[in-house]
Amino acid sequence: MTVDDKLICDIVNSDIDNTSFSYFVHHLRAKSYTPPISNLSESKLSILIECRYFPFTPDYYAKIHNKSSTISLEYLAKNQEAFIESIESIAIDSALFEDLILSEEITLTTKSKLISLFSKSLMNSSIALYLVTSSFPFTISTFNLVWPLLDPAVQKQFFLKHLDILDIDDFCRIFKQLSSFYPNLCDRTSRHTVKLPTSSENRRLASRLKEVGYISSFDDFEKDRSIRLRIRPIKQ
């Protein structure tokens, strides 16, 4: 409901509790009055952002950020499409980048865009670990960005989770780096057989290696509970 500006001004400047304030500003809109950010308490500012009382502009973001970095993150989360459209006018430093990527309020679409724009300069191990344990949709490009920031045990699990985006060259490189987990798998100089312990993960790995042509075939051996992979050598 649109009401007289003075009524909204009086409500904003009153001492009413946050619950009542939230009720009024969710149901009443001023004709043209916009509350001055500098005069608002942080709790009232947060409520006004929640009900989208402020349009998204880089100027409003700067004013809100000066008031509270936490509330400015809420403002970005509430206006993600407009934020991305104005991204060149927003200063994204390492702290803000990490806050945005780790926030549960930021969509995967927004995170993907932020990573494509800023990850080469702002990616760190905390963000990398968060991404690999989340539902973030990795491409080979983002896979390669986070890979060097992970320890070997995490790399192994990350690798096994994303077999479908890796090709034959990726496997060759990764097996060299994870040689303690996969001895002899990086050797493609001659045709030979490599044994892996029987497991669902190793069976999926063998299937993907056969699919991309890294191995010619594989078999399960119940006697010693192993999977035997026949390495296809590189053609000279």
C-alpha atoms as a PDB file:
ATOM      1  CA  MET A   1       0.000   0.000   0.000  1.00  0.00           C
ATOM      2  CA  THR A   2       1.354   3.441  -0.941  1.00  0.00           C
ATOM      3  CA  VAL A   3       1.057   6.006   1.831  1.00  0.00           C
ATOM      4  CA  ASP A   4       2.083   9.574   2.541  1.00  0.00           C
ATOM      5  CA  ASP A   5       5.834  10.138   2.808  1.00  0.00           C
ATOM      6  CA  LYS A   6       5.502  11.691   6.249  1.00  0.00           C
ATOM      7  CA  LEU A   7       3.978   8.522   7.689  1.00  0.00           C
ATOM      8  CA  ILE A   8       6.894   6.406   6.520  1.00  0.00           C
ATOM      9  CA  CYS A   9       9.344   9.046   7.749  1.00  0.00           C
ATOM     10  CA  ASP A  10       7.683   8.987  11.181  1.00  0.00           C
ATOM     11  CA  ILE A  11       7.802   5.167  11.291  1.00  0.00           C
ATOM     12  CA  VAL A  12      11.489   5.105  10.322  1.00  0.00           C
ATOM     13  CA  ASN A  13      12.372   7.701  12.951  1.00  0.00           C
ATOM     14  CA  SER A  14      10.263   6.150  15.688  1.00  0.00           C
ATOM     15  CA  ASP A  15      11.419   3.870  18.503  1.00  0.00           C
ATOM     16  CA  ILE A  16       9.090   0.992  17.642  1.00  0.00           C
ATOM     17  CA  ASP A  17      10.464  -2.522  17.983  1.00  0.00           C
ATOM     18  CA  ASN A  18      11.920  -4.332  14.974  1.00  0.00           C
ATOM     19  CA  THR A  19       8.992  -6.730  14.635  1.00  0.00           C
ATOM     20  CA  SER A  20       6.486  -3.872  14.309  1.00  0.00           C
ATOM     21  CA  PHE A  21       8.867  -1.933  12.063  1.00  0.00           C
ATOM     22  CA  SER A  22       9.235  -4.924   9.775  1.00  0.00           C
ATOM     23  CA  TYR A  23       5.460  -5.330   9.558  1.00  0.00           C
ATOM     24  CA  PHE A  24       4.894  -1.691   8.582  1.00  0.00           C
ATOM     25  CA  VAL A  25       7.644  -1.428   5.959  1.00  0.00           C
ATOM     26  CA  HIS A  26       6.636  -4.727   4.359  1.00  0.00           C
ATOM     27  CA  HIS A  27       3.074  -3.479   3.934  1.00  0.00           C
ATOM     28  CA  LEU A  28       3.487   0.254   3.399  1.00  0.00           C
ATOM     29  CA  ARG A  29       5.384   2.144   0.709  1.00  0.00           C
ATOM     30  CA  ALA A  30       6.189   5.829   0.550  1.00  0.00           C
ATOM     31  CA  LYS A  31       5.328   7.798  -2.575  1.00  0.00           C
ATOM     32  CA  SER A  32       8.844   9.185  -2.972  1.00  0.00           C
ATOM     33  CA  TYR A  33      10.582   9.157   0.413  1.00  0.00           C
ATOM     34  CA  THR A  34      13.749   7.076   0.765  1.00  0.00           C
ATOM     35  CA  PRO A  35      15.162   6.767   4.298  1.00  0.00           C
ATOM     36  CA  PRO A  36      18.683   8.243   4.644  1.00  0.00           C
ATOM     37  CA  ILE A  37      21.037   5.313   5.252  1.00  0.00           C
ATOM     38  CA  SER A  38      23.348   7.229   7.573  1.00  0.00           C
ATOM     39  CA  ASN A  39      20.494   7.840  10.036  1.00  0.00           C
ATOM     40  CA  LEU A  40      19.288   4.245  10.220  1.00  0.00           C
ATOM     41  CA  SER A  41      20.184   1.699  12.851  1.00  0.00           C
ATOM     42  CA  GLU A  42      21.763  -1.468  11.445  1.00  0.00           C
ATOM     43  CA  SER A  43      18.694  -3.525  12.383  1.00  0.00           C
ATOM     44  CA  LYS A  44      16.309  -1.170  10.573  1.00  0.00           C
ATOM     45  CA  LEU A  45      18.631  -0.982   7.562  1.00  0.00           C
ATOM     46  CA  SER A  46      18.707  -4.767   7.345  1.00  0.00           C
ATOM     47  CA  ILE A  47      14.883  -4.913   7.473  1.00  0.00           C
ATOM     48  CA  LEU A  48      14.560  -2.288   4.731  1.00  0.00           C
ATOM     49  CA  ILE A  49      16.971  -4.242   2.521  1.00  0.00           C
ATOM     50  CA  GLU A  50      15.028  -7.434   3.168  1.00  0.00           C
ATOM     51  CA  CYS A  51      11.838  -5.818   1.847  1.00  0.00           C
ATOM     52  CA  ARG A  52      13.731  -4.186  -1.075  1.00  0.00           C
ATOM     53  CA  TYR A  53      13.117  -0.610   0.016  1.00  0.00           C
ATOM     54  CA  PHE A  54      16.258   0.546  -1.788  1.00  0.00           C
ATOM     55  CA  PRO A  55      16.884   0.052  -5.515  1.00  0.00           C
ATOM     56  CA  PHE A  56      20.260  -1.464  -6.354  1.00  0.00           C
ATOM     57  CA  THR A  57      22.919   1.024  -7.375  1.00  0.00           C
ATOM     58  CA  PRO A  58      26.690   1.127  -6.786  1.00  0.00           C
ATOM     59  CA  ASP A  59      26.160   4.355  -4.830  1.00  0.00           C
ATOM     60  CA  TYR A  60      23.672   2.735  -2.444  1.00  0.00           C
ATOM     61  CA  TYR A  61      26.052  -0.211  -2.074  1.00  0.00           C
ATOM     62  CA  ALA A  62      28.919   2.110  -1.105  1.00  0.00           C
ATOM     63  CA  LYS A  63      26.768   3.896   1.482  1.00  0.00           C
ATOM     64  CA  ILE A  64      25.527   0.625   2.976  1.00  0.00           C
ATOM     65  CA  HIS A  65      29.053  -0.814   2.996  1.00  0.00           C
ATOM     66  CA  ASN A  66      30.291   2.219   4.903  1.00  0.00           C
ATOM     67  CA  LYS A  67      27.579   1.500   7.464  1.00  0.00           C
ATOM     68  CA  SER A  68      28.171  -2.259   7.714  1.00  0.00           C
ATOM     69  CA  SER A  69      30.057  -4.740   5.540  1.00  0.00           C
ATOM     70  CA  THR A  70      27.772  -7.525   6.785  1.00  0.00           C
ATOM     71  CA  ILE A  71      24.610  -5.683   5.748  1.00  0.00           C
ATOM     72  CA  SER A  72      26.160  -4.675   2.417  1.00  0.00           C
ATOM     73  CA  LEU A  73      26.576  -8.416   1.704  1.00  0.00           C
ATOM     74  CA  GLU A  74      22.843  -8.845   2.426  1.00  0.00           C
ATOM     75  CA  TYR A  75      22.188  -6.040  -0.063  1.00  0.00           C
ATOM     76  CA  LEU A  76      24.210  -7.811  -2.756  1.00  0.00           C
ATOM     77  CA  ALA A  77      22.521 -11.147  -2.017  1.00  0.00           C
ATOM     78  CA  LYS A  78      19.081  -9.547  -2.293  1.00  0.00           C
ATOM     79  CA  ASN A  79      19.903  -7.935  -5.660  1.00  0.00           C
ATOM     80  CA  GLN A  80      22.119 -10.462  -7.411  1.00  0.00           C
ATOM     81  CA  GLU A  81      21.085  -9.868 -11.020  1.00  0.00           C
ATOM     82  CA  ALA A  82      21.444  -6.089 -10.702  1.00  0.00           C
ATOM     83  CA  PHE A  83      24.728  -6.574  -8.832  1.00  0.00           C
ATOM     84  CA  ILE A  84      26.215  -8.643 -11.660  1.00  0.00           C
ATOM     85  CA  GLU A  85      25.033  -6.103 -14.222  1.00  0.00           C
ATOM     86  CA  SER A  86      26.860  -3.384 -12.246  1.00  0.00           C
ATOM     87  CA  ILE A  87      29.899  -5.504 -11.351  1.00  0.00           C
ATOM     88  CA  GLU A  88      32.402  -3.173 -13.009  1.00  0.00           C
ATOM     89  CA  SER A  89      31.338  -0.408 -10.629  1.00  0.00           C
ATOM     90  CA  ILE A  90      31.749  -2.497  -7.478  1.00  0.00           C
ATOM     91  CA  ALA A  91      35.169  -2.918  -5.851  1.00  0.00           C
ATOM     92  CA  ILE A  92      35.661  -6.670  -5.384  1.00  0.00           C
ATOM     93  CA  ASP A  93      38.572  -7.419  -3.060  1.00  0.00           C
ATOM     94  CA  SER A  94      39.686 -10.780  -1.671  1.00  0.00           C
ATOM     95  CA  ALA A  95      37.541 -10.481   1.474  1.00  0.00           C
ATOM     96  CA  LEU A  96      34.348  -9.649  -0.409  1.00  0.00           C
ATOM     97  CA  PHE A  97      35.023 -12.328  -3.024  1.00  0.00           C
ATOM     98  CA  GLU A  98      35.404 -14.960  -0.299  1.00  0.00           C
ATOM     99  CA  ASP A  99      32.287 -13.746   1.546  1.00  0.00           C
ATOM    100  CA  LEU A 100      30.244 -13.965  -1.667  1.00  0.00           C
ATOM    101  CA  ILE A 101      31.449 -17.433  -2.662  1.00  0.00           C
ATOM    102  CA  LEU A 102      30.985 -18.858   0.839  1.00  0.00           C
ATOM    103  CA  SER A 103      27.553 -17.286   1.336  1.00  0.00           C
ATOM    104  CA  GLU A 104      24.609 -19.683   1.213  1.00  0.00           C
ATOM    105  CA  GLU A 105      22.448 -16.802  -0.044  1.00  0.00           C
ATOM    106  CA  ILE A 106      24.418 -16.362  -3.274  1.00  0.00           C
ATOM    107  CA  THR A 107      23.175 -18.558  -6.118  1.00  0.00           C
ATOM    108  CA  LEU A 108      25.376 -20.933  -8.095  1.00  0.00           C
ATOM    109  CA  THR A 109      24.755 -18.790 -11.178  1.00  0.00           C
ATOM    110  CA  THR A 110      26.139 -15.704  -9.431  1.00  0.00           C
ATOM    111  CA  LYS A 111      29.061 -17.659  -7.969  1.00  0.00           C
ATOM    112  CA  SER A 112      29.953 -19.053 -11.389  1.00  0.00           C
ATOM    113  CA  LYS A 113      30.025 -15.545 -12.842  1.00  0.00           C
ATOM    114  CA  LEU A 114      32.156 -14.216  -9.985  1.00  0.00           C
ATOM    115  CA  ILE A 115      34.593 -17.103 -10.321  1.00  0.00           C
ATOM    116  CA  SER A 116      34.905 -16.584 -14.074  1.00  0.00           C
ATOM    117  CA  LEU A 117      35.736 -12.911 -13.481  1.00  0.00           C
ATOM    118  CA  PHE A 118      37.913 -12.943 -10.367  1.00  0.00           C
ATOM    119  CA  SER A 119      39.184 -16.411  -9.466  1.00  0.00           C
ATOM    120  CA  LYS A 120      42.579 -16.102 -11.171  1.00  0.00           C
ATOM    121  CA  SER A 121      43.530 -13.258  -8.860  1.00  0.00           C
ATOM    122  CA  LEU A 122      41.363 -13.879  -5.778  1.00  0.00           C
ATOM    123  CA  MET A 123      40.982 -17.660  -5.395  1.00  0.00           C
ATOM    124  CA  ASN A 124      42.416 -19.083  -2.167  1.00  0.00           C
ATOM    125  CA  SER A 125      42.541 -22.442  -0.392  1.00  0.00           C
ATOM    126  CA  SER A 126      39.500 -21.721   1.821  1.00  0.00           C
ATOM    127  CA  ILE A 127      37.351 -20.973  -1.205  1.00  0.00           C
ATOM    128  CA  ALA A 128      38.743 -23.958  -3.105  1.00  0.00           C
ATOM    129  CA  LEU A 129      37.953 -26.349  -0.247  1.00  0.00           C
ATOM    130  CA  TYR A 130      34.449 -24.912   0.084  1.00  0.00           C
ATOM    131  CA  LEU A 131      33.768 -25.334  -3.635  1.00  0.00           C
ATOM    132  CA  VAL A 132      34.941 -28.945  -3.847  1.00  0.00           C
ATOM    133  CA  THR A 133      32.696 -29.946  -0.944  1.00  0.00           C
ATOM    134  CA  SER A 134      29.677 -28.097  -2.348  1.00  0.00           C
ATOM    135  CA  SER A 135      27.385 -28.699  -5.314  1.00  0.00           C
ATOM    136  CA  PHE A 136      29.237 -26.171  -7.465  1.00  0.00           C
ATOM    137  CA  PRO A 137      29.087 -27.230 -11.167  1.00  0.00           C
ATOM    138  CA  PHE A 138      32.736 -27.573 -12.164  1.00  0.00           C
ATOM    139  CA  THR A 139      34.088 -27.227 -15.681  1.00  0.00           C
ATOM    140  CA  ILE A 140      37.617 -28.284 -16.566  1.00  0.00           C
ATOM    141  CA  SER A 141      38.624 -24.619 -16.304  1.00  0.00           C
ATOM    142  CA  THR A 142      37.395 -24.209 -12.718  1.00  0.00           C
ATOM    143  CA  PHE A 143      38.678 -27.713 -11.876  1.00  0.00           C
ATOM    144  CA  ASN A 144      42.180 -26.638 -12.869  1.00  0.00           C
ATOM    145  CA  LEU A 145      41.892 -23.376 -10.907  1.00  0.00           C
ATOM    146  CA  VAL A 146      41.180 -25.037  -7.561  1.00  0.00           C
ATOM    147  CA  TRP A 147      43.336 -28.151  -8.051  1.00  0.00           C
ATOM    148  CA  PRO A 148      46.711 -26.654  -6.983  1.00  0.00           C
ATOM    149  CA  LEU A 149      45.159 -25.266  -3.782  1.00  0.00           C
ATOM    150  CA  LEU A 150      44.113 -28.686  -2.431  1.00  0.00           C
ATOM    151  CA  ASP A 151      46.143 -31.227  -0.493  1.00  0.00           C
ATOM    152  CA  PRO A 152      46.628 -34.671  -2.141  1.00  0.00           C
ATOM    153  CA  ALA A 153      43.942 -36.500  -0.134  1.00  0.00           C
ATOM    154  CA  VAL A 154      41.331 -33.881  -1.063  1.00  0.00           C
ATOM    155  CA  GLN A 155      42.608 -33.839  -4.659  1.00  0.00           C
ATOM    156  CA  LYS A 156      41.960 -37.571  -4.914  1.00  0.00           C
ATOM    157  CA  GLN A 157      38.336 -37.295  -3.765  1.00  0.00           C
ATOM    158  CA  PHE A 158      37.785 -34.214  -5.927  1.00  0.00           C
ATOM    159  CA  PHE A 159      39.234 -36.057  -8.919  1.00  0.00           C
ATOM    160  CA  LEU A 160      37.000 -39.090  -8.416  1.00  0.00           C
ATOM    161  CA  LYS A 161      33.936 -36.852  -8.099  1.00  0.00           C
ATOM    162  CA  HIS A 162      34.531 -35.210 -11.493  1.00  0.00           C
ATOM    163  CA  LEU A 163      35.744 -37.997 -13.770  1.00  0.00           C
ATOM    164  CA  ASP A 164      33.193 -37.038 -16.413  1.00  0.00           C
ATOM    165  CA  ILE A 165      34.854 -33.678 -17.229  1.00  0.00           C
ATOM    166  CA  LEU A 166      38.379 -35.116 -17.625  1.00  0.00           C
ATOM    167  CA  ASP A 167      39.968 -36.259 -20.874  1.00  0.00           C
ATOM    168  CA  ILE A 168      42.939 -38.514 -21.600  1.00  0.00           C
ATOM    169  CA  ASP A 169      45.531 -35.749 -21.142  1.00  0.00           C
ATOM    170  CA  ASP A 170      43.959 -34.680 -17.848  1.00  0.00           C
ATOM    171  CA  PHE A 171      44.203 -38.250 -16.541  1.00  0.00           C
ATOM    172  CA  CYS A 172      47.862 -38.537 -17.540  1.00  0.00           C
ATOM    173  CA  ARG A 173      48.707 -35.308 -15.695  1.00  0.00           C
ATOM    174  CA  ILE A 174      46.668 -36.195 -12.597  1.00  0.00           C
ATOM    175  CA  PHE A 175      48.083 -39.708 -12.277  1.00  0.00           C
ATOM    176  CA  LYS A 176      51.600 -38.225 -12.227  1.00  0.00           C
ATOM    177  CA  GLN A 177      50.579 -35.849  -9.449  1.00  0.00           C
ATOM    178  CA  LEU A 178      48.735 -38.551  -7.488  1.00  0.00           C
ATOM    179  CA  SER A 179      51.330 -41.260  -8.042  1.00  0.00           C
ATOM    180  CA  SER A 180      51.239 -42.260  -4.363  1.00  0.00           C
ATOM    181  CA  PHE A 181      47.594 -43.297  -4.838  1.00  0.00           C
ATOM    182  CA  TYR A 182      47.901 -44.583  -8.411  1.00  0.00           C
ATOM    183  CA  PRO A 183      51.399 -46.039  -8.943  1.00  0.00           C
ATOM    184  CA  ASN A 184      52.156 -47.099 -12.547  1.00  0.00           C
ATOM    185  CA  LEU A 185      48.968 -45.601 -13.985  1.00  0.00           C
ATOM    186  CA  CYS A 186      50.871 -42.647 -15.430  1.00  0.00           C
ATOM    187  CA  ASP A 187      53.239 -44.953 -17.357  1.00  0.00           C
ATOM    188  CA  ARG A 188      51.950 -45.167 -20.922  1.00  0.00           C
ATOM    189  CA  THR A 189      55.213 -46.060 -22.636  1.00  0.00           C
ATOM    190  CA  SER A 190      54.194 -49.691 -23.183  1.00  0.00           C
ATOM    191  CA  ARG A 191      51.218 -51.995 -22.882  1.00  0.00           C
ATOM    192  CA  HIS A 192      50.966 -53.320 -19.332  1.00  0.00           C
ATOM    193  CA  THR A 193      48.465 -54.200 -16.621  1.00  0.00           C
ATOM    194  CA  VAL A 194      47.848 -52.180 -13.456  1.00  0.00           C
ATOM    195  CA  LYS A 195      45.960 -53.537 -10.457  1.00  0.00           C
ATOM    196  CA  LEU A 196      43.639 -51.433  -8.307  1.00  0.00           C
ATOM    197  CA  PRO A 197      41.717 -52.610  -5.216  1.00  0.00           C
ATOM    198  CA  THR A 198      38.115 -53.513  -5.970  1.00  0.00           C
ATOM    199  CA  SER A 199      35.768 -50.661  -5.070  1.00  0.00           C
ATOM    200  CA  SER A 200      32.883 -48.781  -6.642  1.00  0.00           C
ATOM    201  CA  GLU A 201      35.116 -45.710  -7.048  1.00  0.00           C
ATOM    202  CA  ASN A 202      37.838 -47.649  -8.847  1.00  0.00           C
ATOM    203  CA  ARG A 203      35.272 -49.361 -11.043  1.00  0.00           C
ATOM    204  CA  ARG A 204      33.889 -45.970 -12.096  1.00  0.00           C
ATOM    205  CA  LEU A 205      37.435 -44.793 -12.722  1.00  0.00           C
ATOM    206  CA  ALA A 206      38.182 -47.833 -14.881  1.00  0.00           C
ATOM    207  CA  SER A 207      34.983 -47.302 -16.871  1.00  0.00           C
ATOM    208  CA  ARG A 208      35.862 -43.660 -17.565  1.00  0.00           C
ATOM    209  CA  LEU A 209      39.464 -44.543 -18.519  1.00  0.00           C
ATOM    210  CA  LYS A 210      38.176 -47.090 -21.040  1.00  0.00           C
ATOM    211  CA  GLU A 211      35.676 -44.534 -22.358  1.00  0.00           C
ATOM    212  CA  VAL A 212      38.375 -41.945 -23.104  1.00  0.00           C
ATOM    213  CA  GLY A 213      40.844 -44.533 -24.444  1.00  0.00           C
ATOM    214  CA  TYR A 214      43.387 -44.417 -21.616  1.00  0.00           C
ATOM    215  CA  ILE A 215      43.014 -48.177 -21.135  1.00  0.00           C
ATOM    216  CA  SER A 216      41.929 -50.848 -23.616  1.00  0.00           C
ATOM    217  CA  SER A 217      39.931 -52.928 -21.111  1.00  0.00           C
ATOM    218  CA  PHE A 218      39.559 -53.888 -17.464  1.00  0.00           C
ATOM    219  CA  ASP A 219      38.396 -56.931 -15.506  1.00  0.00           C
ATOM    220  CA  ASP A 220      37.357 -57.728 -11.949  1.00  0.00           C
ATOM    221  CA  PHE A 221      39.243 -60.524 -10.205  1.00  0.00           C
ATOM    222  CA  GLU A 222      37.392 -61.913  -7.217  1.00  0.00           C
ATOM    223  CA  LYS A 223      40.317 -64.064  -6.083  1.00  0.00           C
ATOM    224  CA  ASP A 224      42.449 -61.126  -4.956  1.00  0.00           C
ATOM    225  CA  ARG A 225      39.656 -58.531  -5.032  1.00  0.00           C
ATOM    226  CA  SER A 226      41.336 -56.418  -7.665  1.00  0.00           C
ATOM    227  CA  ILE A 227      40.478 -54.593 -10.849  1.00  0.00           C
ATOM    228  CA  ARG A 228      43.054 -55.087 -13.588  1.00  0.00           C
ATOM    229  CA  LEU A 229      43.431 -52.285 -16.087  1.00  0.00           C
ATOM    230  CA  ARG A 230      45.229 -52.786 -19.391  1.00  0.00           C
ATOM    231  CA  ILE A 231      47.047 -49.561 -20.209  1.00  0.00           C
ATOM    232  CA  ARG A 232      46.904 -48.467 -23.826  1.00  0.00           C
ATOM    233  CA  PRO A 233      50.371 -47.116 -24.748  1.00  0.00           C
ATOM    234  CA  ILE A 234      50.940 -43.773 -26.420  1.00  0.00           C
ATOM    235  CA  LYS A 235      51.526 -44.193 -30.138  1.00  0.00           C
ATOM    236  CA  GLN A 236      55.022 -43.045 -31.060  1.00  0.00           C
END
